[in-house]
Protein backbone atom coordinates (compact mmCIF):
# COMPACT_ATOMS: atom_id res chain seq x y z
CA MET A 1 -28.98 8.19 -12.05
CA THR A 2 -26.43 5.87 -13.73
CA ASP A 3 -24.44 3.03 -11.97
CA PHE A 4 -21.04 4.32 -13.70
CA THR A 5 -18.79 7.18 -13.65
CA GLN A 6 -18.80 9.31 -16.88
CA TRP A 7 -15.21 10.01 -16.66
CA ARG A 8 -12.27 7.91 -15.05
CA PRO A 9 -12.06 9.02 -11.08
CA HIS A 10 -8.71 9.80 -9.73
CA PRO A 11 -7.36 6.30 -8.21
CA TRP A 12 -6.41 8.23 -5.10
CA HIS A 13 -9.38 10.80 -4.48
CA GLY A 14 -12.15 9.47 -6.52
CA VAL A 15 -12.22 5.80 -5.41
CA GLU A 16 -13.65 4.36 -2.28
CA PRO A 17 -11.39 2.88 0.29
CA GLY A 18 -12.89 -0.39 0.15
CA PRO A 19 -16.14 -2.32 0.69
CA GLU A 20 -15.35 -2.91 4.35
CA PRO A 21 -12.35 -0.90 5.51
CA PRO A 22 -10.24 -1.65 7.49
CA VAL A 23 -11.04 -5.15 6.95
CA MET A 24 -11.52 -5.24 3.21
CA VAL A 25 -9.86 -2.73 1.09
CA THR A 26 -9.45 -1.44 -2.47
CA ALA A 27 -6.01 -1.40 -3.74
CA TYR A 28 -4.73 0.55 -6.79
CA ILE A 29 -2.07 -1.45 -8.19
CA GLU A 30 1.22 0.50 -9.41
CA ILE A 31 3.69 -2.24 -9.93
CA THR A 32 3.71 -5.93 -10.27
CA PRO A 33 6.58 -8.65 -9.15
CA PHE A 34 7.30 -8.47 -13.04
CA ASP A 35 8.25 -4.94 -13.04
CA VAL A 36 11.87 -3.52 -13.21
CA VAL A 37 10.74 -0.05 -13.37
CA LYS A 38 9.25 1.51 -10.36
CA TYR A 39 5.86 3.01 -11.52
CA GLU A 40 3.84 5.37 -9.40
CA VAL A 41 0.57 7.32 -9.58
CA ASP A 42 1.17 11.24 -10.85
CA LYS A 43 -0.82 13.10 -8.01
CA PRO A 44 -2.10 15.83 -10.03
CA THR A 45 -3.42 13.78 -12.98
CA GLY A 46 -4.21 10.28 -11.60
CA TYR A 47 -2.15 8.76 -14.47
CA LEU A 48 0.65 5.95 -13.72
CA LYS A 49 3.97 7.46 -14.21
CA VAL A 50 7.54 6.12 -14.39
CA ASP A 51 9.40 6.90 -11.32
CA ARG A 52 12.58 5.31 -12.14
CA PRO A 53 14.26 2.40 -13.17
CA GLN A 54 14.69 -0.51 -10.10
CA MET A 55 18.26 0.27 -8.85
CA THR A 56 18.92 -3.18 -7.75
CA SER A 57 18.12 -6.79 -9.13
CA SER A 58 15.42 -7.18 -6.52
CA SER A 59 12.07 -7.18 -7.64
CA PRO A 60 9.09 -6.59 -5.53
CA PRO A 61 7.52 -9.83 -4.19
CA THR A 62 4.17 -8.98 -4.36
CA LEU A 63 1.45 -6.67 -5.97
CA TYR A 64 2.41 -2.88 -4.75
CA GLY A 65 0.06 -0.03 -4.75
CA PHE A 66 -1.82 2.02 -2.50
CA ILE A 67 -5.25 2.36 -0.68
CA PRO A 68 -7.37 5.22 -2.03
CA GLN A 69 -8.36 8.01 0.22
CA THR A 70 -5.82 7.22 2.79
CA TYR A 71 -2.77 9.85 3.77
CA ALA A 72 -0.03 9.04 5.89
CA GLY A 73 -0.13 12.38 8.49
CA ASP A 74 0.26 13.11 11.96
CA ARG A 75 -2.15 10.29 13.18
CA VAL A 76 -0.12 7.62 11.23
CA ARG A 77 3.26 9.15 12.66
CA ASP A 78 1.74 8.73 15.92
CA LEU A 79 1.50 5.01 15.63
CA CYS A 80 5.17 4.75 14.33
CA PRO A 81 7.57 5.48 16.95
CA GLY A 82 10.80 7.41 16.03
CA ALA A 83 9.13 8.82 13.04
CA THR A 84 9.04 12.64 12.91
CA SER A 85 6.21 12.81 10.39
CA GLY A 86 3.94 10.81 8.00
CA ASP A 87 5.46 10.36 4.44
CA GLY A 88 2.35 12.51 2.91
CA ASP A 89 1.53 9.87 0.45
CA PRO A 90 -1.57 7.43 0.42
CA LEU A 91 -0.80 4.29 2.46
CA ASP A 92 0.97 1.61 0.69
CA VAL A 93 -0.37 -1.90 0.40
CA CYS A 94 1.41 -5.10 -0.80
CA VAL A 95 -1.17 -7.77 -2.00
CA ILE A 96 -0.45 -11.50 -2.20
CA SER A 97 -2.09 -13.47 -5.17
CA GLU A 98 -1.22 -17.12 -6.04
CA ARG A 99 -2.09 -16.50 -9.75
CA PRO A 100 0.45 -14.09 -11.54
CA ILE A 101 -1.22 -10.73 -12.28
CA ASP A 102 1.15 -9.13 -14.63
CA ARG A 103 -0.42 -5.73 -15.15
CA ALA A 104 -0.70 -2.49 -13.02
CA ASP A 105 -2.98 0.55 -13.22
CA ILE A 106 -5.96 -1.82 -11.90
CA LEU A 107 -8.08 -2.11 -8.83
CA LEU A 108 -8.65 -5.17 -6.78
CA THR A 109 -10.10 -5.95 -3.25
CA ALA A 110 -8.08 -7.41 -0.57
CA ARG A 111 -8.14 -8.62 2.95
CA VAL A 112 -5.72 -6.85 5.32
CA VAL A 113 -3.60 -9.49 7.44
CA GLY A 114 -0.94 -7.20 8.78
CA GLY A 115 2.14 -4.78 7.89
CA LEU A 116 5.57 -3.69 8.09
CA GLN A 117 6.27 -0.64 10.33
CA MET A 118 8.77 1.14 8.30
CA VAL A 119 10.70 4.53 8.70
CA ASP A 120 12.07 6.25 5.71
CA HIS A 121 14.16 9.34 6.01
CA GLY A 122 12.36 9.84 9.19
CA GLU A 123 9.18 9.49 7.85
CA ALA A 124 6.25 7.12 8.70
CA ASP A 125 5.86 4.76 5.70
CA ASP A 126 4.01 1.82 6.65
CA LYS A 127 3.41 -1.23 4.33
CA VAL A 128 0.34 -2.91 4.80
CA ILE A 129 0.14 -6.46 3.94
CA ALA A 130 -3.07 -8.09 2.20
CA VAL A 131 -4.41 -11.00 0.53
CA LEU A 132 -6.38 -11.05 -2.77
CA ALA A 133 -10.07 -11.54 -2.09
CA LYS A 134 -11.48 -14.91 -3.14
CA ASP A 135 -7.92 -15.98 -3.78
CA PRO A 136 -8.06 -20.07 -3.86
CA ILE A 137 -4.84 -20.44 -1.94
CA TRP A 138 -4.25 -17.16 0.05
CA GLY A 139 -8.00 -15.86 0.54
CA ASP A 140 -8.90 -17.45 3.86
CA VAL A 141 -5.71 -16.21 5.45
CA GLN A 142 -6.69 -13.73 8.34
CA ASP A 143 -3.35 -12.58 10.06
CA LEU A 144 0.22 -12.15 9.26
CA VAL A 145 1.33 -15.14 11.42
CA GLU A 146 -0.54 -17.46 8.89
CA LEU A 147 1.80 -16.45 5.92
CA PRO A 148 5.13 -18.13 5.24
CA THR A 149 7.95 -16.57 7.05
CA ALA A 150 10.09 -16.55 3.92
CA LEU A 151 7.56 -14.79 2.10
CA VAL A 152 7.40 -11.98 4.80
CA ASN A 153 11.02 -11.96 4.59
CA ARG A 154 11.27 -11.18 1.06
CA LEU A 155 9.19 -8.17 1.66
CA VAL A 156 11.08 -6.93 4.33
CA HIS A 157 14.38 -7.52 2.32
CA TYR A 158 12.90 -5.74 -0.76
CA PHE A 159 11.85 -2.66 1.31
CA GLU A 160 15.15 -2.48 3.03
CA THR A 161 17.29 -2.57 -0.11
CA TYR A 162 15.06 -1.28 -3.09
CA LYS A 163 16.42 2.56 -2.55
CA ILE A 164 19.98 1.50 -2.51
CA THR A 165 22.05 3.63 -5.10
CA GLY A 166 25.97 3.53 -5.65
CA GLY A 167 26.31 1.13 -2.90
CA GLU A 168 25.11 3.32 -0.06
CA VAL A 169 22.61 2.16 2.27
CA PRO A 170 19.66 4.31 2.50
CA PRO A 171 17.93 5.63 5.76
CA VAL A 172 15.30 3.07 5.80
CA THR A 173 14.42 0.69 8.48
CA ILE A 174 11.76 -1.79 9.29
CA GLN A 175 10.93 -1.33 12.77
CA ARG A 176 8.72 -4.27 13.35
CA ARG A 177 6.09 -6.64 11.80
CA TYR A 178 2.60 -6.34 13.07
CA GLY A 179 -0.60 -8.17 12.62
CA ARG A 180 -3.99 -7.39 11.62
CA GLU A 181 -5.26 -5.47 14.69
CA HIS A 182 -2.58 -2.80 14.51
CA ALA A 183 -2.82 -2.67 10.42
CA PHE A 184 -6.66 -1.96 11.13
CA ARG A 185 -5.55 1.04 13.62
CA VAL A 186 -2.98 2.23 10.88
CA ILE A 187 -5.63 2.14 8.24
CA GLU A 188 -8.17 4.01 10.18
CA ALA A 189 -5.59 6.66 11.29
CA SER A 190 -4.63 7.04 7.67
CA MET A 191 -8.35 7.61 6.63
CA GLN A 192 -8.77 10.09 9.32
CA ASP A 193 -5.45 11.89 8.04
CA TYR A 194 -7.20 12.04 4.85
CA ASP A 195 -10.30 13.56 5.83
CA GLU A 196 -8.65 16.21 7.66
CA THR A 197 -6.11 17.13 4.94
CA TYR A 198 -8.61 16.67 1.88
CA GLY A 199 -11.98 16.95 3.46
CA THR A 200 -14.84 14.41 3.77
CA SER A 201 -14.05 11.31 1.75
CA VAL A 202 -15.53 11.04 -1.91
CA THR A 203 -17.76 8.34 -2.54
CA SER A 204 -19.00 7.03 -5.75
CA GLU A 205 -22.70 7.89 -6.71
CA ALA A 206 -25.10 5.06 -7.71
């Protein structure tokens, strides 16, 4: 048996959700705070693709991507009052790092500290907030209340405005900010939604 994969696994379906989910998770990073183009994973192939240029001058305040083997389905919807469905995507995650990380299409390990309960066009679209594992500045943060309010405000502002086009306000609302315990419930629900949708989670073979 080998301790590596012979072919690159799909970042959504072929990578484990983390070493200790929902506390410590793996994040696949799609965009960085330096990107003025929104990239996202191409679901059929697993390659990173261009989605669209950022429509406003606002840049993402943190690294941004998703937790593998998660899915926003009915269980995630049930944790988000007012949502009519989950958004059908992997669970989004924002990862805070003190040192600039200027490349995407990477994997990292992060500690979950909270999240934003977001509804987009009636769909539950939670944004988990996490800190980079072993980060010398943020690595010991355990819960959302330990983060500077200004940093969380920037995340809220970004997601409330990043889909603005032609001056129209999109139907996106941040219903609340929540701490780690609720974030854990959202992640666990998304992992169950994934298993129900795609079958038993794929794990790496050693």
